Amino acid sequence: MTRNMAASLIEHERIITTVQKAKAVKPFIEKLVTLSKDPSQHNRRRAFTKLRNKDGAKKLFDVLGPRFQDRPGGYCRIIKLTKRRLGDNGERAILEFVERTPRESAAE
């Protein structure tokens, strides 16, 4: 579950999940972003063994690592939502990166 959620977070840069799952994934993803700040071959292999997703590892080192180069930590945030899940009434939250990639305009 942790690997899949981390891969989804890297791909989409924002996911909606339960609060408990977000709290479990946050330290995992922050350690991966810290690894990606130094793009050595050793760190790439360490990140891939934890993530097991080629596209996610590539984006991690090509996009996210350089983006958070000057930041000492705290790459993700958890925002709690007021509306609960329909089936089991679980608390929902948004897990996202602090700095996100700006979207291109629709005209382009």
N, C-alpha and C. Protein backbone atom coordinates (compact mmCIF):
# COMPACT_ATOMS: atom_id res chain seq x y z
N MET A 1 0.82 -1.18 0.00
CA MET A 1 0.00 0.00 0.00
C MET A 1 0.87 1.25 0.00
N THR A 2 1.93 1.23 0.78
CA THR A 2 2.78 2.41 0.89
C THR A 2 3.47 2.72 -0.44
N ARG A 3 3.97 1.68 -1.10
CA ARG A 3 4.63 1.89 -2.39
C ARG A 3 3.66 2.44 -3.43
N ASN A 4 2.47 1.87 -3.49
CA ASN A 4 1.49 2.34 -4.48
C ASN A 4 1.06 3.77 -4.22
N MET A 5 0.84 4.11 -2.97
CA MET A 5 0.43 5.48 -2.65
C MET A 5 1.56 6.46 -2.91
N ALA A 6 2.80 6.05 -2.61
CA ALA A 6 3.94 6.92 -2.89
C ALA A 6 4.11 7.14 -4.38
N ALA A 7 3.94 6.08 -5.18
CA ALA A 7 4.03 6.22 -6.64
C ALA A 7 2.93 7.13 -7.17
N SER A 8 1.73 7.01 -6.63
CA SER A 8 0.63 7.88 -7.06
C SER A 8 0.89 9.34 -6.67
N LEU A 9 1.44 9.54 -5.49
CA LEU A 9 1.75 10.90 -5.05
C LEU A 9 2.82 11.52 -5.92
N ILE A 10 3.83 10.75 -6.29
CA ILE A 10 4.88 11.27 -7.16
C ILE A 10 4.32 11.59 -8.54
N GLU A 11 3.45 10.73 -9.03
CA GLU A 11 2.89 10.93 -10.37
C GLU A 11 1.94 12.12 -10.42
N HIS A 12 1.01 12.20 -9.48
CA HIS A 12 -0.03 13.23 -9.52
C HIS A 12 0.29 14.44 -8.64
N GLU A 13 1.22 14.31 -7.72
CA GLU A 13 1.65 15.35 -6.78
C GLU A 13 0.58 15.74 -5.78
N ARG A 14 -0.55 15.03 -5.79
CA ARG A 14 -1.62 15.29 -4.82
C ARG A 14 -2.59 14.12 -4.85
N ILE A 15 -2.87 13.53 -3.68
CA ILE A 15 -3.81 12.43 -3.61
C ILE A 15 -4.76 12.65 -2.44
N ILE A 16 -5.96 12.07 -2.55
CA ILE A 16 -6.93 12.12 -1.47
C ILE A 16 -7.04 10.72 -0.90
N THR A 17 -6.86 10.61 0.41
CA THR A 17 -6.85 9.31 1.09
C THR A 17 -7.35 9.51 2.51
N THR A 18 -7.24 8.48 3.33
CA THR A 18 -7.62 8.63 4.73
C THR A 18 -6.47 9.25 5.51
N VAL A 19 -6.78 9.80 6.66
CA VAL A 19 -5.76 10.46 7.48
C VAL A 19 -4.70 9.46 7.94
N GLN A 20 -5.11 8.27 8.32
CA GLN A 20 -4.17 7.27 8.82
C GLN A 20 -3.19 6.84 7.72
N LYS A 21 -3.70 6.64 6.52
CA LYS A 21 -2.83 6.25 5.41
C LYS A 21 -1.87 7.38 5.05
N ALA A 22 -2.35 8.61 5.07
CA ALA A 22 -1.50 9.76 4.76
C ALA A 22 -0.38 9.89 5.77
N LYS A 23 -0.68 9.66 7.05
CA LYS A 23 0.35 9.73 8.08
C LYS A 23 1.36 8.61 7.94
N ALA A 24 0.95 7.48 7.38
CA ALA A 24 1.87 6.36 7.18
C ALA A 24 2.78 6.59 5.98
N VAL A 25 2.26 7.25 4.94
CA VAL A 25 3.02 7.43 3.70
C VAL A 25 3.95 8.63 3.76
N LYS A 26 3.62 9.63 4.55
CA LYS A 26 4.39 10.87 4.59
C LYS A 26 5.87 10.66 4.92
N PRO A 27 6.24 9.92 5.97
CA PRO A 27 7.68 9.73 6.23
C PRO A 27 8.38 8.94 5.12
N PHE A 28 7.68 8.00 4.52
CA PHE A 28 8.23 7.19 3.43
C PHE A 28 8.59 8.06 2.24
N ILE A 29 7.68 8.94 1.85
CA ILE A 29 7.91 9.79 0.68
C ILE A 29 8.95 10.87 0.97
N GLU A 30 8.99 11.36 2.20
CA GLU A 30 9.97 12.39 2.52
C GLU A 30 11.38 11.84 2.51
N LYS A 31 11.57 10.60 2.91
CA LYS A 31 12.89 9.98 2.81
C LYS A 31 13.31 9.79 1.36
N LEU A 32 12.35 9.46 0.49
CA LEU A 32 12.66 9.32 -0.93
C LEU A 32 13.05 10.66 -1.55
N VAL A 33 12.37 11.72 -1.18
CA VAL A 33 12.70 13.04 -1.72
C VAL A 33 14.08 13.47 -1.23
N THR A 34 14.41 13.15 0.01
CA THR A 34 15.74 13.47 0.52
C THR A 34 16.81 12.72 -0.26
N LEU A 35 16.56 11.46 -0.60
CA LEU A 35 17.49 10.70 -1.44
C LEU A 35 17.64 11.35 -2.81
N SER A 36 16.56 11.87 -3.36
CA SER A 36 16.60 12.39 -4.72
C SER A 36 17.32 13.73 -4.83
N LYS A 37 17.65 14.35 -3.74
CA LYS A 37 18.37 15.61 -3.79
C LYS A 37 19.81 15.42 -4.25
N ASP A 38 20.35 14.22 -4.06
CA ASP A 38 21.69 13.88 -4.55
C ASP A 38 21.52 12.80 -5.62
N PRO A 39 21.59 13.16 -6.90
CA PRO A 39 21.25 12.21 -7.97
C PRO A 39 22.36 11.23 -8.33
N SER A 40 23.00 10.64 -7.36
CA SER A 40 24.03 9.65 -7.66
C SER A 40 23.39 8.32 -8.04
N GLN A 41 24.17 7.48 -8.67
CA GLN A 41 23.65 6.18 -9.10
C GLN A 41 23.22 5.34 -7.90
N HIS A 42 23.96 5.43 -6.83
CA HIS A 42 23.64 4.67 -5.62
C HIS A 42 22.28 5.10 -5.05
N ASN A 43 22.04 6.40 -4.99
CA ASN A 43 20.75 6.89 -4.47
C ASN A 43 19.60 6.54 -5.41
N ARG A 44 19.85 6.54 -6.71
CA ARG A 44 18.81 6.14 -7.65
C ARG A 44 18.41 4.68 -7.43
N ARG A 45 19.39 3.83 -7.22
CA ARG A 45 19.09 2.41 -6.98
C ARG A 45 18.40 2.20 -5.64
N ARG A 46 18.81 2.93 -4.62
CA ARG A 46 18.14 2.83 -3.32
C ARG A 46 16.69 3.27 -3.41
N ALA A 47 16.43 4.36 -4.14
CA ALA A 47 15.06 4.85 -4.29
C ALA A 47 14.22 3.86 -5.10
N PHE A 48 14.81 3.28 -6.13
CA PHE A 48 14.04 2.33 -6.95
C PHE A 48 13.69 1.07 -6.16
N THR A 49 14.60 0.60 -5.31
CA THR A 49 14.29 -0.60 -4.53
C THR A 49 13.16 -0.35 -3.54
N LYS A 50 13.04 0.87 -3.06
CA LYS A 50 11.94 1.18 -2.14
C LYS A 50 10.64 1.46 -2.90
N LEU A 51 10.73 2.09 -4.08
CA LEU A 51 9.54 2.52 -4.80
C LEU A 51 9.03 1.47 -5.80
N ARG A 52 9.94 0.78 -6.48
CA ARG A 52 9.60 -0.25 -7.49
C ARG A 52 8.73 0.30 -8.61
N ASN A 53 9.05 1.50 -9.08
CA ASN A 53 8.31 2.13 -10.17
C ASN A 53 9.31 2.97 -10.97
N LYS A 54 9.59 2.56 -12.22
CA LYS A 54 10.59 3.26 -13.03
C LYS A 54 10.20 4.70 -13.32
N ASP A 55 8.95 4.91 -13.71
CA ASP A 55 8.50 6.27 -14.03
C ASP A 55 8.52 7.16 -12.80
N GLY A 56 8.11 6.61 -11.67
CA GLY A 56 8.12 7.38 -10.43
C GLY A 56 9.53 7.74 -9.99
N ALA A 57 10.46 6.80 -10.12
CA ALA A 57 11.85 7.07 -9.74
C ALA A 57 12.46 8.12 -10.67
N LYS A 58 12.13 8.05 -11.95
CA LYS A 58 12.65 9.03 -12.90
C LYS A 58 12.14 10.43 -12.58
N LYS A 59 10.83 10.56 -12.31
CA LYS A 59 10.28 11.86 -11.97
C LYS A 59 10.82 12.35 -10.64
N LEU A 60 11.04 11.43 -9.73
CA LEU A 60 11.57 11.79 -8.42
C LEU A 60 12.92 12.48 -8.56
N PHE A 61 13.80 11.93 -9.39
CA PHE A 61 15.14 12.49 -9.53
C PHE A 61 15.22 13.63 -10.54
N ASP A 62 14.35 13.65 -11.55
CA ASP A 62 14.42 14.69 -12.57
C ASP A 62 13.64 15.94 -12.20
N VAL A 63 12.53 15.78 -11.48
CA VAL A 63 11.66 16.93 -11.20
C VAL A 63 11.67 17.30 -9.71
N LEU A 64 11.38 16.33 -8.86
CA LEU A 64 11.18 16.65 -7.44
C LEU A 64 12.49 16.95 -6.70
N GLY A 65 13.55 16.22 -7.01
CA GLY A 65 14.84 16.45 -6.35
C GLY A 65 15.35 17.87 -6.55
N PRO A 66 15.43 18.33 -7.82
CA PRO A 66 15.87 19.72 -8.02
C PRO A 66 14.93 20.77 -7.44
N ARG A 67 13.62 20.46 -7.41
CA ARG A 67 12.65 21.43 -6.88
C ARG A 67 12.86 21.67 -5.39
N PHE A 68 13.19 20.62 -4.65
CA PHE A 68 13.35 20.75 -3.20
C PHE A 68 14.81 20.81 -2.77
N GLN A 69 15.71 21.19 -3.69
CA GLN A 69 17.14 21.20 -3.40
C GLN A 69 17.49 22.11 -2.22
N ASP A 70 16.88 23.27 -2.13
CA ASP A 70 17.22 24.23 -1.08
C ASP A 70 16.40 24.05 0.19
N ARG A 71 15.42 23.18 0.17
CA ARG A 71 14.54 22.98 1.32
C ARG A 71 15.13 21.90 2.23
N PRO A 72 15.27 22.17 3.55
CA PRO A 72 15.89 21.17 4.44
C PRO A 72 14.99 20.02 4.84
N GLY A 73 13.70 20.11 4.62
CA GLY A 73 12.77 19.04 5.00
C GLY A 73 11.35 19.55 4.91
N GLY A 74 10.39 18.69 5.23
CA GLY A 74 8.99 19.08 5.18
C GLY A 74 8.49 19.26 3.77
N TYR A 75 8.61 18.21 2.97
CA TYR A 75 8.25 18.30 1.56
C TYR A 75 6.76 18.05 1.31
N CYS A 76 6.08 17.39 2.24
CA CYS A 76 4.66 17.05 2.07
C CYS A 76 3.84 17.70 3.17
N ARG A 77 2.56 17.83 2.89
CA ARG A 77 1.64 18.31 3.92
C ARG A 77 0.35 17.50 3.85
N ILE A 78 -0.31 17.40 5.00
CA ILE A 78 -1.58 16.70 5.11
C ILE A 78 -2.64 17.73 5.46
N ILE A 79 -3.67 17.80 4.62
CA ILE A 79 -4.78 18.72 4.85
C ILE A 79 -6.01 17.86 5.11
N LYS A 80 -6.59 17.99 6.29
CA LYS A 80 -7.77 17.20 6.63
C LYS A 80 -9.01 17.79 5.96
N LEU A 81 -9.86 16.91 5.44
CA LEU A 81 -11.10 17.32 4.82
C LEU A 81 -12.26 17.15 5.80
N THR A 82 -13.28 17.98 5.65
CA THR A 82 -14.41 17.91 6.59
C THR A 82 -15.37 16.79 6.23
N LYS A 83 -15.57 16.54 4.95
CA LYS A 83 -16.51 15.51 4.53
C LYS A 83 -15.87 14.13 4.70
N ARG A 84 -16.54 13.24 5.41
CA ARG A 84 -16.02 11.91 5.66
C ARG A 84 -16.34 10.96 4.52
N ARG A 85 -15.69 9.79 4.52
CA ARG A 85 -15.94 8.80 3.48
C ARG A 85 -17.33 8.23 3.61
N LEU A 86 -17.93 7.88 2.48
CA LEU A 86 -19.31 7.45 2.47
C LEU A 86 -19.49 6.07 3.09
N GLY A 87 -18.63 5.12 2.80
CA GLY A 87 -18.84 3.75 3.24
C GLY A 87 -18.63 3.52 4.71
N ASP A 88 -17.47 3.93 5.25
CA ASP A 88 -17.14 3.61 6.63
C ASP A 88 -16.98 4.83 7.52
N ASN A 89 -17.33 6.01 7.01
CA ASN A 89 -17.28 7.25 7.77
C ASN A 89 -15.86 7.59 8.23
N GLY A 90 -14.86 7.18 7.43
CA GLY A 90 -13.46 7.46 7.78
C GLY A 90 -13.07 8.88 7.44
N GLU A 91 -12.14 9.42 8.21
CA GLU A 91 -11.66 10.77 7.96
C GLU A 91 -10.83 10.79 6.68
N ARG A 92 -11.06 11.80 5.84
CA ARG A 92 -10.32 11.93 4.60
C ARG A 92 -9.33 13.07 4.71
N ALA A 93 -8.27 12.97 3.90
CA ALA A 93 -7.24 14.00 3.91
C ALA A 93 -6.63 14.11 2.52
N ILE A 94 -6.03 15.25 2.26
CA ILE A 94 -5.27 15.47 1.04
C ILE A 94 -3.80 15.40 1.41
N LEU A 95 -3.06 14.56 0.72
CA LEU A 95 -1.61 14.48 0.89
C LEU A 95 -1.00 15.07 -0.37
N GLU A 96 -0.22 16.14 -0.22
CA GLU A 96 0.34 16.81 -1.39
C GLU A 96 1.72 17.35 -1.07
N PHE A 97 2.48 17.63 -2.13
CA PHE A 97 3.77 18.28 -1.97
C PHE A 97 3.56 19.75 -1.67
N VAL A 98 4.47 20.33 -0.92
CA VAL A 98 4.34 21.74 -0.52
C VAL A 98 4.43 22.64 -1.75
N GLU A 99 5.39 22.37 -2.62
CA GLU A 99 5.54 23.14 -3.85
C GLU A 99 5.10 22.24 -5.00
N ARG A 100 4.14 22.70 -5.77
CA ARG A 100 3.62 21.89 -6.87
C ARG A 100 4.03 22.48 -8.22
N THR A 101 3.99 21.64 -9.24
CA THR A 101 4.31 22.07 -10.59
C THR A 101 3.16 22.87 -11.14
N PRO A 102 3.42 24.09 -11.64
CA PRO A 102 2.31 24.87 -12.22
C PRO A 102 1.81 24.22 -13.50
N ARG A 103 0.51 24.21 -13.69
CA ARG A 103 -0.09 23.61 -14.89
C ARG A 103 0.02 24.58 -16.07
N GLU A 104 0.17 24.00 -17.25
CA GLU A 104 0.21 24.82 -18.44
C GLU A 104 -1.19 25.36 -18.72
N SER A 105 -1.26 26.50 -19.36
CA SER A 105 -2.56 27.07 -19.65
C SER A 105 -3.25 26.25 -20.73
N ALA A 106 -4.56 26.33 -20.79
CA ALA A 106 -5.35 25.54 -21.74
C ALA A 106 -5.10 26.00 -23.18
N ALA A 107 -4.67 27.23 -23.37
CA ALA A 107 -4.44 27.75 -24.72
C ALA A 107 -3.23 27.10 -25.37
N GLU A 108 -2.25 26.71 -24.58
CA GLU A 108 -1.03 26.13 -25.15
C GLU A 108 -1.23 24.76 -25.60
